[in-house]
Structures are given as structure tokens and as C-alpha cells.
Amino acid sequence: MGIRSLWIIVSLLLLAGPAGARNTEQFFSARQAAESEKGKEYLLDVPFYMKGERHPKVAKSLSEMTSQRTASGAFRGDEVSCQSAFLSALKTLQERARQSGANAIIDVVSITKGEQTESASDFRCIAGAVVVHVGLKGKLVELK
């Protein structure tokens, strides 16, 4: 390999460095993700309610749980990648709800980078150059 080729490779790596450090905060609709084709096929039949969303009365509160998930962001848009990570995190909560005898998850909030974000409609996603991250926290409950 010649000096010129080596110089080109080093230059490209230096230019790619800052792009790899991207950490963009994104917000997307939780319902839109859950009601997408992938959401309908992937999620379980355990209803979830974002914090601030109305839900039936709670008969019994069982536990609180968090779920952190990542998804590949390479060659896909942020929204598709973030929805994928959201669905994975939510399904983990749903599986735990079933295991514990809960029939719903309430007060779901986003929790990423140690920061909690409450929204009655949206989840928070941190999108990097290659990976996206979604963290969820919710209460596993029995609804009346």
C-alpha cells in the first residue's frame, strides 16, 4: 500500500470519527409503534399506558420494572430503529407482567442516560450513528 492510499484511509477515518459520536434525542409516538404491523405481530396482549394516559382503576399494584434495549440504526432511519428498540423494551415489560400475574403496565416512562421523560403519548430514544437506545420503566398491575 502506498503512502497516498494510507493517507486517504487515515483521512476518511478522521472524518468518520465525529459522525460516530452522534447522540440525537428523538421522540416518537408509542401508540404508532405499538399499532404498526411489526408491533401487532410482535407485542403480547398485555395493555400498556404511558404516564398521564387514562386507564381503568388499579386493583393491585405488583411491582415496578425497567427495560433497556438497543437496536441497530445502521442503514435504517431513526424512527424505524427507535420503534424497534421501543417494541423490544415494551415486550420485555409485557413478558414480566405475565410472569408476575399482572394484566397491564401503567405509568410507562422513558428512562435513558439517567434521565426520566414522562409523556402521555411519546417515548424517548437516543439515536447514535450505529445504535439506538430506548429505556422504559413501568408499573406492573392488576386492573379492575
C-alpha atoms as a PDB file:
ATOM      1  CA  MET A   1       0.000   0.000   0.000  1.00  0.00           C
ATOM      2  CA  GLY A   2       1.433   3.351  -0.974  1.00  0.00           C
ATOM      3  CA  ILE A   3       1.715   6.494   1.122  1.00  0.00           C
ATOM      4  CA  ARG A   4      -1.103   8.094  -0.865  1.00  0.00           C
ATOM      5  CA  SER A   5      -3.506   5.202  -0.148  1.00  0.00           C
ATOM      6  CA  LEU A   6      -2.588   5.228   3.522  1.00  0.00           C
ATOM      7  CA  TRP A   7      -3.183   8.990   3.677  1.00  0.00           C
ATOM      8  CA  ILE A   8      -6.632   8.602   2.114  1.00  0.00           C
ATOM      9  CA  ILE A   9      -7.615   5.864   4.601  1.00  0.00           C
ATOM     10  CA  VAL A  10      -6.431   7.885   7.602  1.00  0.00           C
ATOM     11  CA  SER A  11      -8.276  10.974   6.323  1.00  0.00           C
ATOM     12  CA  LEU A  12     -11.505   9.042   5.917  1.00  0.00           C
ATOM     13  CA  LEU A  13     -11.221   7.588   9.425  1.00  0.00           C
ATOM     14  CA  LEU A  14     -10.653  11.040  10.908  1.00  0.00           C
ATOM     15  CA  LEU A  15     -13.688  12.409   9.079  1.00  0.00           C
ATOM     16  CA  ALA A  16     -15.852   9.468  10.226  1.00  0.00           C
ATOM     17  CA  GLY A  17     -14.890   9.934  13.897  1.00  0.00           C
ATOM     18  CA  PRO A  18     -17.249  12.822  14.734  1.00  0.00           C
ATOM     19  CA  ALA A  19     -20.133  11.158  12.879  1.00  0.00           C
ATOM     20  CA  GLY A  20     -19.768   8.074  15.090  1.00  0.00           C
ATOM     21  CA  ALA A  21     -20.284  10.211  18.197  1.00  0.00           C
ATOM     22  CA  ARG A  22     -23.823  11.265  17.288  1.00  0.00           C
ATOM     23  CA  ASN A  23     -26.305  11.069  20.174  1.00  0.00           C
ATOM     24  CA  THR A  24     -29.536  12.607  18.961  1.00  0.00           C
ATOM     25  CA  GLU A  25     -32.546  12.736  21.267  1.00  0.00           C
ATOM     26  CA  GLN A  26     -35.695  11.707  19.388  1.00  0.00           C
ATOM     27  CA  PHE A  27     -39.353  11.421  20.416  1.00  0.00           C
ATOM     28  CA  PHE A  28     -41.813   9.100  18.682  1.00  0.00           C
ATOM     29  CA  SER A  29     -45.403   8.022  19.243  1.00  0.00           C
ATOM     30  CA  ALA A  30     -45.714   4.960  21.477  1.00  0.00           C
ATOM     31  CA  ARG A  31     -49.170   4.085  20.084  1.00  0.00           C
ATOM     32  CA  GLN A  32     -47.999   4.424  16.493  1.00  0.00           C
ATOM     33  CA  ALA A  33     -45.141   1.996  17.198  1.00  0.00           C
ATOM     34  CA  ALA A  34     -47.414  -0.464  19.033  1.00  0.00           C
ATOM     35  CA  GLU A  35     -50.087  -0.320  16.323  1.00  0.00           C
ATOM     36  CA  SER A  36     -47.636  -0.711  13.430  1.00  0.00           C
ATOM     37  CA  GLU A  37     -47.565  -4.020  11.541  1.00  0.00           C
ATOM     38  CA  LYS A  38     -44.434  -5.045  13.432  1.00  0.00           C
ATOM     39  CA  GLY A  39     -45.999  -4.022  16.747  1.00  0.00           C
ATOM     40  CA  LYS A  40     -49.178  -6.015  16.095  1.00  0.00           C
ATOM     41  CA  GLU A  41     -47.149  -9.122  15.244  1.00  0.00           C
ATOM     42  CA  TYR A  42     -44.519  -8.732  17.962  1.00  0.00           C
ATOM     43  CA  LEU A  43     -46.215  -7.454  21.123  1.00  0.00           C
ATOM     44  CA  LEU A  44     -48.204  -9.530  23.589  1.00  0.00           C
ATOM     45  CA  ASP A  45     -51.821  -8.881  24.595  1.00  0.00           C
ATOM     46  CA  VAL A  46     -50.851  -7.038  27.792  1.00  0.00           C
ATOM     47  CA  PRO A  47     -52.090  -3.431  27.534  1.00  0.00           C
ATOM     48  CA  PHE A  48     -49.762  -0.569  28.419  1.00  0.00           C
ATOM     49  CA  TYR A  49     -50.500   3.002  29.388  1.00  0.00           C
ATOM     50  CA  MET A  50     -47.990   5.816  29.190  1.00  0.00           C
ATOM     51  CA  LYS A  51     -47.701   8.072  32.260  1.00  0.00           C
ATOM     52  CA  GLY A  52     -50.608  10.524  32.082  1.00  0.00           C
ATOM     53  CA  GLU A  53     -52.762   8.242  29.944  1.00  0.00           C
ATOM     54  CA  ARG A  54     -56.121   7.277  31.405  1.00  0.00           C
ATOM     55  CA  HIS A  55     -56.547   3.639  32.408  1.00  0.00           C
ATOM     56  CA  PRO A  56     -59.031   1.541  34.417  1.00  0.00           C
ATOM     57  CA  LYS A  57     -58.690   1.554  38.186  1.00  0.00           C
ATOM     58  CA  VAL A  58     -55.855  -0.436  39.709  1.00  0.00           C
ATOM     59  CA  ALA A  59     -56.959  -3.417  41.816  1.00  0.00           C
ATOM     60  CA  LYS A  60     -53.444  -4.399  42.860  1.00  0.00           C
ATOM     61  CA  SER A  61     -50.002  -2.934  42.281  1.00  0.00           C
ATOM     62  CA  LEU A  62     -47.389  -5.694  41.896  1.00  0.00           C
ATOM     63  CA  SER A  63     -44.006  -4.167  41.048  1.00  0.00           C
ATOM     64  CA  GLU A  64     -42.089  -1.632  39.029  1.00  0.00           C
ATOM     65  CA  MET A  65     -39.693  -2.678  36.304  1.00  0.00           C
ATOM     66  CA  THR A  66     -37.264  -1.169  33.821  1.00  0.00           C
ATOM     67  CA  SER A  67     -36.188  -2.483  30.444  1.00  0.00           C
ATOM     68  CA  GLN A  68     -33.282  -1.119  28.397  1.00  0.00           C
ATOM     69  CA  ARG A  69     -32.978  -2.099  24.739  1.00  0.00           C
ATOM     70  CA  THR A  70     -30.849  -1.169  21.757  1.00  0.00           C
ATOM     71  CA  ALA A  71     -31.360  -1.701  18.052  1.00  0.00           C
ATOM     72  CA  SER A  72     -29.217  -1.273  15.007  1.00  0.00           C
ATOM     73  CA  GLY A  73     -29.529   2.135  13.443  1.00  0.00           C
ATOM     74  CA  ALA A  74     -27.241   1.354  10.525  1.00  0.00           C
ATOM     75  CA  PHE A  75     -28.869   1.750   7.123  1.00  0.00           C
ATOM     76  CA  ARG A  76     -32.301   2.447   8.655  1.00  0.00           C
ATOM     77  CA  GLY A  77     -33.906   5.684   9.654  1.00  0.00           C
ATOM     78  CA  ASP A  78     -34.038   6.781  13.288  1.00  0.00           C
ATOM     79  CA  GLU A  79     -37.789   6.271  13.531  1.00  0.00           C
ATOM     80  CA  VAL A  80     -37.713   2.653  12.349  1.00  0.00           C
ATOM     81  CA  SER A  81     -34.731   1.843  14.573  1.00  0.00           C
ATOM     82  CA  CYS A  82     -36.213   3.602  17.610  1.00  0.00           C
ATOM     83  CA  GLN A  83     -39.564   1.869  17.146  1.00  0.00           C
ATOM     84  CA  SER A  84     -37.778  -1.475  17.023  1.00  0.00           C
ATOM     85  CA  ALA A  85     -35.941  -0.767  20.306  1.00  0.00           C
ATOM     86  CA  PHE A  86     -39.189   0.513  21.885  1.00  0.00           C
ATOM     87  CA  LEU A  87     -41.111  -2.622  20.898  1.00  0.00           C
ATOM     88  CA  SER A  88     -38.361  -4.837  22.284  1.00  0.00           C
ATOM     89  CA  ALA A  89     -38.293  -2.954  25.606  1.00  0.00           C
ATOM     90  CA  LEU A  90     -42.094  -2.995  25.852  1.00  0.00           C
ATOM     91  CA  LYS A  91     -42.311  -6.713  25.081  1.00  0.00           C
ATOM     92  CA  THR A  92     -39.865  -7.387  27.909  1.00  0.00           C
ATOM     93  CA  LEU A  93     -42.179  -5.484  30.272  1.00  0.00           C
ATOM     94  CA  GLN A  94     -45.176  -7.425  28.936  1.00  0.00           C
ATOM     95  CA  GLU A  95     -43.428 -10.765  29.453  1.00  0.00           C
ATOM     96  CA  ARG A  96     -42.573  -9.824  33.028  1.00  0.00           C
ATOM     97  CA  ALA A  97     -46.166  -8.686  33.591  1.00  0.00           C
ATOM     98  CA  ARG A  98     -47.452 -12.093  32.507  1.00  0.00           C
ATOM     99  CA  GLN A  99     -44.934 -13.902  34.701  1.00  0.00           C
ATOM    100  CA  SER A 100     -45.946 -11.865  37.747  1.00  0.00           C
ATOM    101  CA  GLY A 101     -49.702 -12.198  37.216  1.00  0.00           C
ATOM    102  CA  ALA A 102     -50.205  -8.584  36.146  1.00  0.00           C
ATOM    103  CA  ASN A 103     -52.715  -7.804  33.420  1.00  0.00           C
ATOM    104  CA  ALA A 104     -51.408  -4.340  32.451  1.00  0.00           C
ATOM    105  CA  ILE A 105     -48.472  -1.951  32.612  1.00  0.00           C
ATOM    106  CA  ILE A 106     -49.200   1.620  33.703  1.00  0.00           C
ATOM    107  CA  ASP A 107     -47.258   4.856  34.112  1.00  0.00           C
ATOM    108  CA  VAL A 108     -44.741   3.905  31.417  1.00  0.00           C
ATOM    109  CA  VAL A 109     -41.962   6.490  31.137  1.00  0.00           C
ATOM    110  CA  SER A 110     -38.772   6.720  29.117  1.00  0.00           C
ATOM    111  CA  ILE A 111     -35.556   6.440  31.041  1.00  0.00           C
ATOM    112  CA  THR A 112     -32.369   6.962  29.046  1.00  0.00           C
ATOM    113  CA  LYS A 113     -28.982   8.257  30.074  1.00  0.00           C
ATOM    114  CA  GLY A 114     -30.205   8.515  33.656  1.00  0.00           C
ATOM    115  CA  GLU A 115     -32.906  10.963  32.628  1.00  0.00           C
ATOM    116  CA  GLN A 116     -36.617  10.212  33.034  1.00  0.00           C
ATOM    117  CA  THR A 117     -39.018  11.618  30.445  1.00  0.00           C
ATOM    118  CA  GLU A 118     -42.771  11.492  31.028  1.00  0.00           C
ATOM    119  CA  SER A 119     -45.233  11.755  28.176  1.00  0.00           C
ATOM    120  CA  ALA A 120     -48.771  10.504  27.732  1.00  0.00           C
ATOM    121  CA  SER A 121     -48.051   9.778  24.074  1.00  0.00           C
ATOM    122  CA  ASP A 122     -44.343   9.610  23.189  1.00  0.00           C
ATOM    123  CA  PHE A 123     -41.263   7.620  24.092  1.00  0.00           C
ATOM    124  CA  ARG A 124     -37.711   8.961  24.107  1.00  0.00           C
ATOM    125  CA  CYS A 125     -34.935   7.417  22.040  1.00  0.00           C
ATOM    126  CA  ILE A 126     -31.238   8.253  21.831  1.00  0.00           C
ATOM    127  CA  ALA A 127     -30.051   7.679  18.270  1.00  0.00           C
ATOM    128  CA  GLY A 128     -26.363   7.191  17.602  1.00  0.00           C
ATOM    129  CA  ALA A 129     -24.632   6.686  14.284  1.00  0.00           C
ATOM    130  CA  VAL A 130     -24.916   2.901  14.511  1.00  0.00           C
ATOM    131  CA  VAL A 131     -27.099   2.038  17.537  1.00  0.00           C
ATOM    132  CA  VAL A 132     -30.257   3.489  19.094  1.00  0.00           C
ATOM    133  CA  HIS A 133     -31.244   3.136  22.741  1.00  0.00           C
ATOM    134  CA  VAL A 134     -34.661   3.062  24.431  1.00  0.00           C
ATOM    135  CA  GLY A 135     -35.269   2.530  28.126  1.00  0.00           C
ATOM    136  CA  LEU A 136     -38.717   2.116  29.665  1.00  0.00           C
ATOM    137  CA  LYS A 137     -39.956   1.946  33.245  1.00  0.00           C
ATOM    138  CA  GLY A 138     -43.493   0.946  34.175  1.00  0.00           C
ATOM    139  CA  LYS A 139     -45.661  -0.405  36.966  1.00  0.00           C
ATOM    140  CA  LEU A 140     -46.954  -3.946  36.628  1.00  0.00           C
ATOM    141  CA  VAL A 141     -50.512  -4.009  37.941  1.00  0.00           C
ATOM    142  CA  GLU A 142     -53.816  -5.834  38.023  1.00  0.00           C
ATOM    143  CA  LEU A 143     -56.549  -3.601  36.661  1.00  0.00           C
ATOM    144  CA  LYS A 144     -60.189  -3.958  37.699  1.00  0.00           C
END
